[in-house]
Amino acid sequence: MPVMSYVSLTPTRGEVSRDTLVRWLNEYLNVGAFKDPSLNGLQIEGTGTVRRVAVAVDSSLKTIQHAADSGADLLITHHGLFWGDPLALSGPHRERVRAALMADLNLYVSHIPLDAHPVVGNNAMIAQALTLQNTEPFGEWAGGKIGIAGELPFEQSLQDFADRVQKLTGEICLVHGGGRSPTVRRLGVLSGSGAGSIAEAAAMGLDTLLTGEPEHKHFHDAFEYGVNVIYAGHYETEVFGVRALAARLEDEFGLAWQFLHHPTGL
């Protein structure tokens, strides 16, 4: 698959200490507010000064090497290296950690907090791009809600809306036309793995759910609950948050940034 990167147009205007930036990120993203299998926050400590930032969806070895080669001092990802259970530093996991340490590269991770953030979150950015109106919280997660539901400005056919989503993400959508009408007006947005929220969408009177990847155990839910579901890709629905967060860092600290695009096709 092609590997691309997007770079901010503003040159580096300054620098910030790692610890200051981490404190700001922790507060801005409210990392302690969410129950999450991911170890959110600074996962790997590197250089003490940050001048250049790279952002990506995944913390793969290729992504870490790409960040190091680009001269980044800090890599921010949505999917990190540590997910609750102890993991030995062996095999590919060792190589990922080693690559970051050898490059003196900081790795900062924000999983659920970046899905849920009301300004730079994945779901907030998708809702904004789709011009959703009359928005409200949607998508149950550990006693809270991390997605967004709302109304389109005008009703669209399911196919036209799926084409619109495809233009937004660049990924061919999988469409399950389970709704009682092949149209879209009231929509729920839940990036990544949101197939389990079909029943919630139906209970809220939504006609369509937009999420990332399908799960076989939820295949029949769309048709039995009467909800259209558009699967636009786990990866492609989660590029929005890290890019928006990087732009926010540029505004706040004057840091140049680069988005490292390593798509999975999933």
Protein backbone atom coordinates (compact mmCIF):
# COMPACT_ATOMS: atom_id res chain seq x y z
CA MET A 1 0.00 0.00 0.00
CA PRO A 2 1.27 3.53 -0.65
CA VAL A 3 2.94 5.42 2.16
CA MET A 4 2.32 9.14 2.15
CA SER A 5 2.81 11.99 4.57
CA TYR A 6 1.23 15.38 5.00
CA VAL A 7 3.31 18.25 6.34
CA SER A 8 2.21 21.52 7.90
CA LEU A 9 3.06 24.54 5.81
CA THR A 10 4.24 26.62 8.77
CA PRO A 11 7.95 26.26 9.58
CA THR A 12 9.06 25.58 13.13
CA ARG A 13 8.80 28.78 15.15
CA GLY A 14 10.03 27.48 18.45
CA GLU A 15 10.33 24.59 20.81
CA VAL A 16 8.79 23.26 23.97
CA SER A 17 10.03 20.95 26.68
CA ARG A 18 8.75 17.39 26.52
CA ASP A 19 7.38 17.53 30.05
CA THR A 20 5.49 20.77 29.41
CA LEU A 21 3.98 19.35 26.23
CA VAL A 22 3.00 16.06 27.87
CA ARG A 23 1.29 17.90 30.72
CA TRP A 24 -0.61 20.03 28.20
CA LEU A 25 -1.67 16.99 26.17
CA ASN A 26 -2.80 15.09 29.26
CA GLU A 27 -4.96 18.00 30.36
CA TYR A 28 -6.29 18.92 26.92
CA LEU A 29 -7.24 15.33 26.09
CA ASN A 30 -8.47 14.60 29.63
CA VAL A 31 -6.69 11.27 29.51
CA GLY A 32 -7.66 10.21 33.01
CA ALA A 33 -11.39 10.46 32.36
CA PHE A 34 -11.73 7.27 30.31
CA LYS A 35 -11.52 3.60 31.13
CA ASP A 36 -9.29 2.33 28.36
CA PRO A 37 -7.20 -0.79 27.71
CA SER A 38 -4.62 1.52 26.14
CA LEU A 39 -1.89 3.07 28.27
CA ASN A 40 -2.68 6.65 27.32
CA GLY A 41 -0.05 9.34 27.68
CA LEU A 42 3.71 9.16 27.25
CA GLN A 43 4.55 5.51 26.51
CA ILE A 44 8.22 6.00 25.61
CA GLU A 45 10.38 8.84 26.89
CA GLY A 46 12.85 10.37 24.47
CA THR A 47 14.53 13.72 24.01
CA GLY A 48 13.68 16.46 26.50
CA THR A 49 13.00 19.12 23.86
CA VAL A 50 10.37 18.95 21.14
CA ARG A 51 10.67 20.98 17.96
CA ARG A 52 9.01 18.71 15.43
CA VAL A 53 6.02 16.38 15.76
CA ALA A 54 4.91 13.38 13.71
CA VAL A 55 1.42 11.89 14.06
CA ALA A 56 0.02 8.57 12.87
CA VAL A 57 -2.76 6.10 13.54
CA ASP A 58 -0.62 3.09 14.48
CA SER A 59 2.68 2.54 16.29
CA SER A 60 4.10 0.03 13.83
CA LEU A 61 7.83 -0.39 13.30
CA LYS A 62 7.54 1.31 9.90
CA THR A 63 5.74 4.27 11.45
CA ILE A 64 8.32 4.67 14.22
CA GLN A 65 11.19 4.44 11.73
CA HIS A 66 9.43 6.92 9.45
CA ALA A 67 9.04 9.36 12.34
CA ALA A 68 12.71 8.98 13.26
CA ASP A 69 13.82 9.45 9.65
CA SER A 70 11.69 12.59 9.36
CA GLY A 71 13.51 14.19 12.29
CA ALA A 72 10.55 14.14 14.66
CA ASP A 73 11.16 14.53 18.37
CA LEU A 74 7.67 13.33 19.27
CA LEU A 75 5.40 10.76 17.65
CA ILE A 76 1.71 10.88 18.60
CA THR A 77 -0.41 7.86 17.69
CA HIS A 78 -3.94 6.64 18.28
CA HIS A 79 -2.92 2.99 18.73
CA GLY A 80 0.10 2.58 20.97
CA LEU A 81 2.36 -0.24 22.10
CA PHE A 82 0.98 -1.02 25.55
CA TRP A 83 -2.56 -2.34 26.09
CA GLY A 84 -2.93 -3.26 29.75
CA ASP A 85 -1.41 -6.74 29.95
CA PRO A 86 2.35 -7.09 30.60
CA LEU A 87 4.18 -7.63 27.34
CA ALA A 88 7.74 -8.93 27.12
CA LEU A 89 10.25 -6.86 25.19
CA SER A 90 10.85 -9.55 22.60
CA GLY A 91 10.15 -10.08 18.91
CA PRO A 92 8.44 -7.26 16.99
CA HIS A 93 7.47 -5.48 20.22
CA ARG A 94 11.14 -5.23 21.18
CA GLU A 95 12.04 -3.88 17.74
CA ARG A 96 9.39 -1.16 17.94
CA VAL A 97 10.52 -0.02 21.38
CA ARG A 98 14.18 -0.28 20.40
CA ALA A 99 13.65 1.84 17.28
CA ALA A 100 12.09 4.62 19.34
CA LEU A 101 14.78 4.49 22.03
CA MET A 102 17.63 4.46 19.49
CA ALA A 103 16.17 7.57 17.86
CA ASP A 104 15.54 9.28 21.22
CA LEU A 105 11.95 9.57 20.01
CA ASN A 106 9.09 10.30 22.41
CA LEU A 107 5.93 8.24 21.85
CA TYR A 108 2.66 9.71 23.10
CA VAL A 109 -0.60 7.77 22.72
CA SER A 110 -4.25 8.80 22.91
CA HIS A 111 -6.85 6.13 22.21
CA ILE A 112 -10.39 6.58 23.60
CA PRO A 113 -9.67 10.19 24.69
CA LEU A 114 -8.97 11.09 21.07
CA ASP A 115 -12.09 9.32 19.83
CA ALA A 116 -14.19 11.21 22.34
CA HIS A 117 -12.67 14.70 22.31
CA PRO A 118 -15.34 17.29 21.44
CA VAL A 119 -13.03 19.47 19.35
CA VAL A 120 -10.23 17.40 17.79
CA GLY A 121 -11.67 13.91 18.27
CA ASN A 122 -12.12 11.46 15.41
CA ASN A 123 -15.89 11.53 15.73
CA ALA A 124 -16.09 15.31 16.16
CA MET A 125 -13.99 15.86 13.03
CA ILE A 126 -16.08 13.42 10.95
CA ALA A 127 -19.31 15.02 12.18
CA GLN A 128 -17.94 18.43 11.26
CA ALA A 129 -16.88 17.27 7.80
CA LEU A 130 -20.38 15.87 7.23
CA THR A 131 -21.98 19.11 8.56
CA LEU A 132 -24.08 17.26 11.13
CA GLN A 133 -26.61 19.43 12.93
CA ASN A 134 -28.44 19.10 16.27
CA THR A 135 -25.69 16.84 17.55
CA GLU A 136 -25.83 14.79 20.75
CA PRO A 137 -23.64 12.18 22.45
CA PHE A 138 -23.77 8.64 21.07
CA GLY A 139 -21.77 5.44 21.42
CA GLU A 140 -21.71 3.86 24.87
CA TRP A 141 -18.26 3.18 26.29
CA ALA A 142 -17.64 2.23 29.92
CA GLY A 143 -20.52 4.30 31.24
CA GLY A 144 -20.00 7.28 28.93
CA LYS A 145 -20.45 8.14 25.28
CA ILE A 146 -17.60 8.70 22.85
CA GLY A 147 -19.39 9.16 19.51
CA ILE A 148 -21.74 11.74 18.01
CA ALA A 149 -25.25 11.55 16.58
CA GLY A 150 -26.92 14.25 14.53
CA GLU A 151 -28.89 15.18 11.45
CA LEU A 152 -27.72 15.86 7.92
CA PRO A 153 -28.82 19.23 6.52
CA PHE A 154 -30.82 17.33 3.90
CA GLU A 155 -31.83 13.74 3.29
CA GLN A 156 -29.62 11.71 0.96
CA SER A 157 -29.94 8.31 -0.60
CA LEU A 158 -27.84 5.68 1.11
CA GLN A 159 -25.70 5.26 -1.99
CA ASP A 160 -25.09 9.00 -2.41
CA PHE A 161 -24.14 9.29 1.23
CA ALA A 162 -21.80 6.31 1.00
CA ASP A 163 -20.15 7.95 -2.02
CA ARG A 164 -19.75 11.13 0.02
CA VAL A 165 -18.10 9.21 2.85
CA GLN A 166 -15.80 7.48 0.37
CA LYS A 167 -14.63 10.86 -0.93
CA LEU A 168 -13.98 11.96 2.65
CA THR A 169 -11.94 8.92 3.68
CA GLY A 170 -10.55 7.67 0.41
CA GLU A 171 -11.69 4.15 1.34
CA ILE A 172 -14.32 2.10 -0.49
CA CYS A 173 -17.19 1.67 1.93
CA LEU A 174 -18.97 -1.54 2.82
CA VAL A 175 -22.69 -0.76 2.98
CA HIS A 176 -25.29 -2.86 4.80
CA GLY A 177 -28.68 -1.51 3.81
CA GLY A 178 -30.60 -2.75 6.81
CA GLY A 179 -32.67 0.39 7.28
CA ARG A 180 -36.39 0.56 6.73
CA SER A 181 -35.68 3.27 4.16
CA PRO A 182 -32.68 3.46 1.77
CA THR A 183 -32.07 7.06 2.83
CA VAL A 184 -29.89 8.84 5.38
CA ARG A 185 -30.95 11.77 7.56
CA ARG A 186 -30.32 10.90 11.24
CA LEU A 187 -26.81 9.55 11.65
CA GLY A 188 -24.59 8.11 14.36
CA VAL A 189 -20.80 8.42 13.99
CA LEU A 190 -18.45 6.09 15.86
CA SER A 191 -14.95 5.69 14.48
CA GLY A 192 -12.98 2.44 14.55
CA SER A 193 -14.87 -0.54 15.96
CA GLY A 194 -18.47 0.63 16.39
CA ALA A 195 -20.53 -2.25 15.03
CA GLY A 196 -21.66 -3.09 18.55
CA SER A 197 -23.62 0.18 18.68
CA ILE A 198 -26.25 -0.77 16.09
CA ALA A 199 -28.85 -1.49 18.77
CA GLU A 200 -28.12 1.85 20.43
CA ALA A 201 -28.54 3.61 17.08
CA ALA A 202 -31.93 1.97 16.64
CA ALA A 203 -33.00 2.93 20.17
CA MET A 204 -32.12 6.58 19.42
CA GLY A 205 -34.15 6.55 16.22
CA LEU A 206 -31.13 6.86 13.95
CA ASP A 207 -31.53 5.52 10.44
CA THR A 208 -27.80 5.06 9.77
CA LEU A 209 -24.58 4.23 11.61
CA LEU A 210 -21.22 5.28 10.22
CA THR A 211 -18.32 3.35 11.72
CA GLY A 212 -15.01 1.74 10.82
CA GLU A 213 -14.82 -2.04 10.59
CA PRO A 214 -17.48 -4.77 10.61
CA GLU A 215 -17.76 -7.63 13.09
CA HIS A 216 -19.37 -10.89 12.03
CA LYS A 217 -21.30 -11.25 15.28
CA HIS A 218 -23.10 -7.98 14.51
CA PHE A 219 -23.85 -8.68 10.83
CA HIS A 220 -27.53 -9.51 11.39
CA ASP A 221 -28.06 -6.59 13.78
CA ALA A 222 -28.29 -4.05 10.96
CA PHE A 223 -31.16 -5.90 9.30
CA GLU A 224 -32.98 -6.98 12.44
CA TYR A 225 -32.82 -3.57 14.13
CA GLY A 226 -33.56 -1.76 10.86
CA VAL A 227 -30.42 0.40 10.68
CA ASN A 228 -28.27 1.18 7.65
CA VAL A 229 -24.58 0.69 8.45
CA ILE A 230 -21.67 2.14 6.52
CA TYR A 231 -18.27 0.65 7.27
CA ALA A 232 -15.64 3.14 6.11
CA GLY A 233 -12.53 1.43 7.51
CA HIS A 234 -11.08 1.34 11.00
CA TYR A 235 -7.88 3.04 9.90
CA GLU A 236 -9.49 5.62 7.62
CA THR A 237 -12.03 6.75 10.22
CA GLU A 238 -9.22 7.36 12.71
CA VAL A 239 -6.85 9.57 10.73
CA PHE A 240 -8.85 12.69 11.59
CA GLY A 241 -8.08 13.04 15.29
CA VAL A 242 -4.28 12.87 15.17
CA ARG A 243 -4.18 15.38 12.32
CA ALA A 244 -6.50 17.79 14.12
CA LEU A 245 -4.48 17.41 17.33
CA ALA A 246 -1.25 18.16 15.46
CA ALA A 247 -2.77 21.31 13.98
CA ARG A 248 -3.80 22.33 17.50
CA LEU A 249 -0.21 21.86 18.69
CA GLU A 250 0.99 24.03 15.84
CA ASP A 251 -1.38 26.78 16.93
CA GLU A 252 -0.49 26.46 20.61
CA PHE A 253 3.28 25.93 20.47
CA GLY A 254 4.36 26.76 16.93
CA LEU A 255 5.51 23.19 16.27
CA ALA A 256 5.85 21.92 12.72
CA TRP A 257 4.17 18.57 12.19
CA GLN A 258 3.86 15.73 9.75
CA PHE A 259 1.15 13.08 9.30
CA LEU A 260 2.60 9.65 8.51
CA HIS A 261 0.10 7.74 6.39
CA HIS A 262 0.54 3.96 6.63
CA PRO A 263 -2.89 2.60 5.67
CA THR A 264 -3.92 -0.93 6.58
CA GLY A 265 -6.92 -1.30 4.28
CA LEU A 266 -8.97 -2.45 7.28
